[in-house]
N, C-alpha and C. Protein backbone atom coordinates (compact mmCIF):
# COMPACT_ATOMS: atom_id res chain seq x y z
N MET A 1 -30.04 -38.12 -27.37
CA MET A 1 -30.57 -39.43 -27.08
C MET A 1 -29.85 -40.50 -27.90
N LEU A 2 -29.72 -40.28 -29.22
CA LEU A 2 -29.05 -41.24 -30.08
C LEU A 2 -27.61 -41.42 -29.65
N ARG A 3 -26.97 -40.32 -29.31
CA ARG A 3 -25.57 -40.40 -28.87
C ARG A 3 -25.46 -41.26 -27.61
N ALA A 4 -26.41 -41.14 -26.70
CA ALA A 4 -26.40 -41.95 -25.47
C ALA A 4 -26.55 -43.43 -25.80
N VAL A 5 -27.38 -43.75 -26.78
CA VAL A 5 -27.56 -45.15 -27.18
C VAL A 5 -26.26 -45.69 -27.77
N VAL A 6 -25.62 -44.89 -28.62
CA VAL A 6 -24.36 -45.32 -29.24
C VAL A 6 -23.29 -45.51 -28.17
N VAL A 7 -23.18 -44.57 -27.24
CA VAL A 7 -22.18 -44.68 -26.18
C VAL A 7 -22.44 -45.91 -25.33
N ALA A 8 -23.69 -46.17 -25.01
CA ALA A 8 -24.04 -47.36 -24.21
C ALA A 8 -23.70 -48.64 -24.98
N ALA A 9 -24.02 -48.66 -26.25
CA ALA A 9 -23.72 -49.85 -27.06
C ALA A 9 -22.22 -50.07 -27.17
N LEU A 10 -21.47 -48.99 -27.34
CA LEU A 10 -20.02 -49.12 -27.43
C LEU A 10 -19.41 -49.54 -26.10
N ALA A 11 -20.00 -49.10 -25.00
CA ALA A 11 -19.51 -49.53 -23.69
C ALA A 11 -19.69 -51.03 -23.52
N LEU A 12 -20.79 -51.56 -24.03
CA LEU A 12 -21.01 -52.99 -23.98
C LEU A 12 -20.00 -53.75 -24.83
N ALA A 13 -19.44 -53.07 -25.81
CA ALA A 13 -18.50 -53.71 -26.72
C ALA A 13 -17.23 -54.18 -26.02
N ALA A 14 -16.97 -53.71 -24.82
CA ALA A 14 -15.79 -54.12 -24.09
C ALA A 14 -15.90 -55.55 -23.59
N SER A 15 -17.09 -56.09 -23.57
CA SER A 15 -17.31 -57.43 -23.06
C SER A 15 -16.81 -58.49 -24.05
N PRO A 16 -16.05 -59.50 -23.55
CA PRO A 16 -15.61 -60.58 -24.43
C PRO A 16 -16.76 -61.31 -25.11
N ALA A 17 -17.89 -61.45 -24.41
CA ALA A 17 -19.04 -62.12 -25.02
C ALA A 17 -19.56 -61.33 -26.20
N ILE A 18 -19.55 -60.01 -26.08
CA ILE A 18 -19.98 -59.16 -27.19
C ILE A 18 -19.04 -59.32 -28.37
N ALA A 19 -17.74 -59.40 -28.11
CA ALA A 19 -16.76 -59.60 -29.18
C ALA A 19 -17.00 -60.94 -29.86
N GLN A 20 -17.36 -61.97 -29.09
CA GLN A 20 -17.66 -63.27 -29.67
C GLN A 20 -18.88 -63.17 -30.59
N ASP A 21 -19.91 -62.44 -30.15
CA ASP A 21 -21.07 -62.20 -31.01
C ASP A 21 -20.63 -61.45 -32.27
N GLY A 22 -19.72 -60.50 -32.09
CA GLY A 22 -19.20 -59.74 -33.22
C GLY A 22 -18.48 -60.62 -34.21
N ALA A 23 -17.77 -61.63 -33.73
CA ALA A 23 -17.08 -62.56 -34.62
C ALA A 23 -18.09 -63.29 -35.49
N GLN A 24 -19.19 -63.71 -34.89
CA GLN A 24 -20.23 -64.40 -35.66
C GLN A 24 -20.83 -63.46 -36.71
N LEU A 25 -21.11 -62.23 -36.29
CA LEU A 25 -21.67 -61.25 -37.22
C LEU A 25 -20.68 -60.94 -38.34
N PHE A 26 -19.41 -60.77 -37.97
CA PHE A 26 -18.37 -60.50 -38.95
C PHE A 26 -18.32 -61.64 -39.97
N ASN A 27 -18.34 -62.86 -39.50
CA ASN A 27 -18.27 -64.01 -40.40
C ASN A 27 -19.48 -64.08 -41.34
N MET A 28 -20.63 -63.65 -40.85
CA MET A 28 -21.84 -63.69 -41.69
C MET A 28 -21.93 -62.50 -42.64
N GLN A 29 -21.48 -61.30 -42.20
CA GLN A 29 -21.75 -60.09 -42.97
C GLN A 29 -20.52 -59.48 -43.64
N CYS A 30 -19.33 -59.74 -43.13
CA CYS A 30 -18.15 -58.99 -43.57
C CYS A 30 -17.07 -59.84 -44.21
N ARG A 31 -16.96 -61.06 -43.74
CA ARG A 31 -15.82 -61.90 -44.09
C ARG A 31 -15.66 -62.12 -45.59
N MET A 32 -16.76 -62.26 -46.29
CA MET A 32 -16.68 -62.56 -47.71
C MET A 32 -15.82 -61.52 -48.45
N CYS A 33 -15.95 -60.27 -48.09
CA CYS A 33 -15.19 -59.21 -48.76
C CYS A 33 -13.89 -58.85 -48.02
N HIS A 34 -13.84 -59.12 -46.72
CA HIS A 34 -12.70 -58.66 -45.92
C HIS A 34 -11.84 -59.79 -45.39
N SER A 35 -11.60 -60.79 -46.23
CA SER A 35 -10.72 -61.88 -45.82
C SER A 35 -9.66 -62.14 -46.88
N GLY A 36 -9.06 -61.07 -47.36
CA GLY A 36 -8.00 -61.22 -48.34
C GLY A 36 -8.46 -61.20 -49.78
N SER A 37 -9.72 -60.94 -50.02
CA SER A 37 -10.21 -60.87 -51.40
C SER A 37 -9.94 -59.46 -51.94
N PRO A 38 -9.97 -59.31 -53.25
CA PRO A 38 -9.78 -57.96 -53.82
C PRO A 38 -10.96 -57.02 -53.57
N MET A 39 -12.04 -57.54 -53.00
CA MET A 39 -13.23 -56.72 -52.74
C MET A 39 -13.03 -55.73 -51.61
N GLY A 40 -12.25 -56.12 -50.60
CA GLY A 40 -12.05 -55.25 -49.44
C GLY A 40 -10.77 -55.64 -48.72
N PRO A 41 -10.21 -54.71 -47.97
CA PRO A 41 -8.96 -55.00 -47.27
C PRO A 41 -9.18 -55.88 -46.05
N SER A 42 -8.13 -56.53 -45.61
CA SER A 42 -8.18 -57.22 -44.32
C SER A 42 -8.45 -56.17 -43.25
N LEU A 43 -9.21 -56.55 -42.25
CA LEU A 43 -9.54 -55.59 -41.19
C LEU A 43 -8.71 -55.81 -39.93
N ALA A 44 -7.71 -56.67 -40.00
CA ALA A 44 -6.80 -56.87 -38.87
C ALA A 44 -6.06 -55.56 -38.61
N GLY A 45 -6.15 -55.07 -37.39
CA GLY A 45 -5.47 -53.84 -37.01
C GLY A 45 -6.18 -52.57 -37.43
N VAL A 46 -7.36 -52.69 -38.01
CA VAL A 46 -8.06 -51.49 -38.48
C VAL A 46 -8.51 -50.61 -37.30
N ALA A 47 -9.03 -51.22 -36.23
CA ALA A 47 -9.49 -50.43 -35.07
C ALA A 47 -8.29 -49.72 -34.44
N GLY A 48 -8.38 -48.42 -34.37
CA GLY A 48 -7.29 -47.61 -33.84
C GLY A 48 -6.25 -47.23 -34.87
N GLY A 49 -6.39 -47.76 -36.08
CA GLY A 49 -5.44 -47.45 -37.15
C GLY A 49 -5.91 -46.27 -38.00
N GLU A 50 -5.04 -45.81 -38.85
CA GLU A 50 -5.36 -44.71 -39.75
C GLU A 50 -6.39 -45.15 -40.79
N ILE A 51 -7.33 -44.29 -41.08
CA ILE A 51 -8.36 -44.57 -42.09
C ILE A 51 -7.69 -44.68 -43.45
N ALA A 52 -8.05 -45.71 -44.20
CA ALA A 52 -7.58 -45.94 -45.57
C ALA A 52 -6.06 -46.04 -45.65
N SER A 53 -5.45 -46.70 -44.67
CA SER A 53 -3.98 -46.77 -44.64
C SER A 53 -3.43 -48.13 -45.04
N LYS A 54 -4.27 -49.12 -45.19
CA LYS A 54 -3.78 -50.45 -45.56
C LYS A 54 -3.53 -50.51 -47.07
N SER A 55 -2.87 -51.55 -47.49
CA SER A 55 -2.59 -51.73 -48.90
C SER A 55 -3.87 -52.20 -49.60
N PHE A 56 -4.60 -51.24 -50.16
CA PHE A 56 -5.87 -51.51 -50.83
C PHE A 56 -6.21 -50.31 -51.70
N ALA A 57 -6.95 -50.53 -52.76
CA ALA A 57 -7.36 -49.45 -53.66
C ALA A 57 -8.63 -48.78 -53.10
N TYR A 58 -8.45 -47.96 -52.07
CA TYR A 58 -9.58 -47.27 -51.44
C TYR A 58 -10.15 -46.22 -52.38
N SER A 59 -11.41 -45.89 -52.16
CA SER A 59 -12.06 -44.82 -52.93
C SER A 59 -11.43 -43.49 -52.53
N PRO A 60 -11.43 -42.52 -53.44
CA PRO A 60 -10.95 -41.19 -53.08
C PRO A 60 -11.71 -40.61 -51.88
N ALA A 61 -12.99 -40.94 -51.77
CA ALA A 61 -13.81 -40.43 -50.67
C ALA A 61 -13.28 -40.90 -49.32
N LEU A 62 -12.93 -42.18 -49.22
CA LEU A 62 -12.44 -42.69 -47.94
C LEU A 62 -11.02 -42.20 -47.68
N LYS A 63 -10.21 -42.11 -48.72
CA LYS A 63 -8.85 -41.57 -48.55
C LYS A 63 -8.91 -40.14 -48.03
N ALA A 64 -9.88 -39.37 -48.48
CA ALA A 64 -9.99 -37.96 -48.10
C ALA A 64 -10.45 -37.78 -46.65
N LYS A 65 -11.06 -38.82 -46.05
CA LYS A 65 -11.54 -38.68 -44.67
C LYS A 65 -10.40 -38.41 -43.70
N GLY A 66 -9.30 -39.14 -43.85
CA GLY A 66 -8.20 -38.99 -42.92
C GLY A 66 -8.60 -39.35 -41.50
N GLY A 67 -7.67 -39.27 -40.58
CA GLY A 67 -7.96 -39.55 -39.19
C GLY A 67 -7.77 -41.02 -38.84
N VAL A 68 -8.30 -41.37 -37.68
CA VAL A 68 -8.12 -42.70 -37.11
C VAL A 68 -9.47 -43.38 -36.98
N TRP A 69 -9.48 -44.70 -37.12
CA TRP A 69 -10.69 -45.47 -36.91
C TRP A 69 -10.93 -45.61 -35.42
N THR A 70 -11.74 -44.72 -34.88
CA THR A 70 -12.16 -44.78 -33.48
C THR A 70 -13.45 -45.58 -33.41
N ASP A 71 -13.92 -45.86 -32.19
CA ASP A 71 -15.21 -46.52 -32.05
C ASP A 71 -16.30 -45.71 -32.74
N GLU A 72 -16.24 -44.39 -32.57
CA GLU A 72 -17.27 -43.52 -33.13
C GLU A 72 -17.22 -43.51 -34.66
N SER A 73 -16.01 -43.43 -35.24
CA SER A 73 -15.93 -43.38 -36.70
C SER A 73 -16.30 -44.75 -37.30
N LEU A 74 -15.88 -45.83 -36.66
CA LEU A 74 -16.28 -47.15 -37.14
C LEU A 74 -17.80 -47.32 -37.07
N ASP A 75 -18.39 -46.83 -35.97
CA ASP A 75 -19.84 -46.92 -35.83
C ASP A 75 -20.54 -46.13 -36.94
N ALA A 76 -20.08 -44.92 -37.20
CA ALA A 76 -20.70 -44.10 -38.24
C ALA A 76 -20.53 -44.74 -39.62
N TYR A 77 -19.36 -45.31 -39.88
CA TYR A 77 -19.11 -45.93 -41.17
C TYR A 77 -19.97 -47.18 -41.36
N LEU A 78 -20.01 -48.02 -40.34
CA LEU A 78 -20.82 -49.24 -40.45
C LEU A 78 -22.31 -48.92 -40.55
N LYS A 79 -22.74 -47.86 -39.89
CA LYS A 79 -24.15 -47.48 -39.91
C LYS A 79 -24.57 -47.02 -41.31
N ALA A 80 -23.74 -46.20 -41.93
CA ALA A 80 -24.08 -45.63 -43.24
C ALA A 80 -22.80 -45.27 -44.00
N PRO A 81 -22.18 -46.26 -44.63
CA PRO A 81 -20.90 -46.00 -45.30
C PRO A 81 -20.95 -44.86 -46.31
N THR A 82 -22.02 -44.78 -47.10
CA THR A 82 -22.08 -43.75 -48.13
C THR A 82 -22.37 -42.36 -47.56
N THR A 83 -22.86 -42.30 -46.35
CA THR A 83 -23.03 -41.01 -45.67
C THR A 83 -21.71 -40.59 -45.04
N PHE A 84 -21.00 -41.53 -44.44
CA PHE A 84 -19.71 -41.26 -43.81
C PHE A 84 -18.69 -40.79 -44.84
N ALA A 85 -18.65 -41.48 -45.98
CA ALA A 85 -17.70 -41.13 -47.05
C ALA A 85 -18.40 -41.30 -48.39
N PRO A 86 -19.15 -40.26 -48.83
CA PRO A 86 -19.86 -40.37 -50.11
C PRO A 86 -18.89 -40.77 -51.24
N GLY A 87 -19.24 -41.83 -51.94
CA GLY A 87 -18.38 -42.34 -53.00
C GLY A 87 -17.57 -43.55 -52.56
N THR A 88 -17.71 -43.96 -51.30
CA THR A 88 -17.00 -45.14 -50.82
C THR A 88 -17.41 -46.37 -51.61
N LYS A 89 -16.52 -47.35 -51.65
CA LYS A 89 -16.82 -48.59 -52.35
C LYS A 89 -17.71 -49.51 -51.52
N MET A 90 -17.71 -49.32 -50.20
CA MET A 90 -18.51 -50.19 -49.34
C MET A 90 -19.96 -49.71 -49.32
N LEU A 91 -20.84 -50.60 -49.69
CA LEU A 91 -22.26 -50.25 -49.75
C LEU A 91 -23.09 -50.97 -48.69
N VAL A 92 -22.50 -51.96 -48.05
CA VAL A 92 -23.21 -52.75 -47.04
C VAL A 92 -23.18 -52.00 -45.71
N SER A 93 -24.34 -51.86 -45.09
CA SER A 93 -24.41 -51.18 -43.80
C SER A 93 -24.92 -52.14 -42.73
N VAL A 94 -24.73 -51.73 -41.48
CA VAL A 94 -25.23 -52.49 -40.34
C VAL A 94 -26.14 -51.55 -39.57
N SER A 95 -27.43 -51.70 -39.72
CA SER A 95 -28.36 -50.74 -39.14
C SER A 95 -28.57 -50.92 -37.64
N ASN A 96 -28.38 -52.11 -37.14
CA ASN A 96 -28.63 -52.39 -35.72
C ASN A 96 -27.44 -51.92 -34.86
N PRO A 97 -27.66 -50.98 -33.92
CA PRO A 97 -26.55 -50.45 -33.12
C PRO A 97 -25.87 -51.50 -32.23
N THR A 98 -26.62 -52.48 -31.75
CA THR A 98 -26.02 -53.53 -30.93
C THR A 98 -25.10 -54.41 -31.78
N GLN A 99 -25.52 -54.69 -32.98
CA GLN A 99 -24.68 -55.48 -33.89
C GLN A 99 -23.43 -54.70 -34.30
N ARG A 100 -23.58 -53.39 -34.54
CA ARG A 100 -22.40 -52.58 -34.87
C ARG A 100 -21.41 -52.59 -33.72
N ALA A 101 -21.91 -52.45 -32.51
CA ALA A 101 -21.03 -52.45 -31.33
C ALA A 101 -20.30 -53.79 -31.20
N ALA A 102 -21.01 -54.87 -31.47
CA ALA A 102 -20.40 -56.20 -31.39
C ALA A 102 -19.32 -56.36 -32.46
N ILE A 103 -19.58 -55.90 -33.66
CA ILE A 103 -18.60 -55.99 -34.74
C ILE A 103 -17.38 -55.15 -34.39
N ILE A 104 -17.58 -53.96 -33.87
CA ILE A 104 -16.47 -53.09 -33.47
C ILE A 104 -15.64 -53.76 -32.37
N ALA A 105 -16.31 -54.37 -31.40
CA ALA A 105 -15.58 -55.09 -30.34
C ALA A 105 -14.74 -56.20 -30.94
N TYR A 106 -15.28 -56.90 -31.91
CA TYR A 106 -14.52 -57.95 -32.57
C TYR A 106 -13.34 -57.39 -33.36
N LEU A 107 -13.57 -56.30 -34.07
CA LEU A 107 -12.47 -55.69 -34.85
C LEU A 107 -11.30 -55.33 -33.95
N LYS A 108 -11.59 -54.94 -32.72
CA LYS A 108 -10.53 -54.59 -31.77
C LYS A 108 -9.67 -55.79 -31.38
N THR A 109 -10.19 -57.00 -31.57
CA THR A 109 -9.43 -58.20 -31.24
C THR A 109 -8.51 -58.62 -32.38
N LEU A 110 -8.73 -58.08 -33.56
CA LEU A 110 -7.94 -58.46 -34.73
C LEU A 110 -6.65 -57.65 -34.78
N LYS A 111 -5.55 -58.30 -34.61
CA LYS A 111 -4.26 -57.60 -34.60
C LYS A 111 -3.42 -58.00 -35.78
């Protein structure tokens, strides 16, 4: 059931309007740390890119994850960063699945 909700939310993420909502959410919840500050890496190109591959001092936990940032892995990370990669530096989560889907849709627009 939960997987069906996530899949449905991610399917909605393809909508440009959802990406626009994601931009607003990103600006409110993520931008402070992910806009070139030493707190977090830029997220341009992160969707579809290798996990922990940008020039940033990632936690050993996130470096050890390996793989690619897919919709599913981004969703899991945003939902519960410390569960996805125990020891990660990111402690802020996005509990609402619709908001996570919107943020993921927005991340896909960042090149």
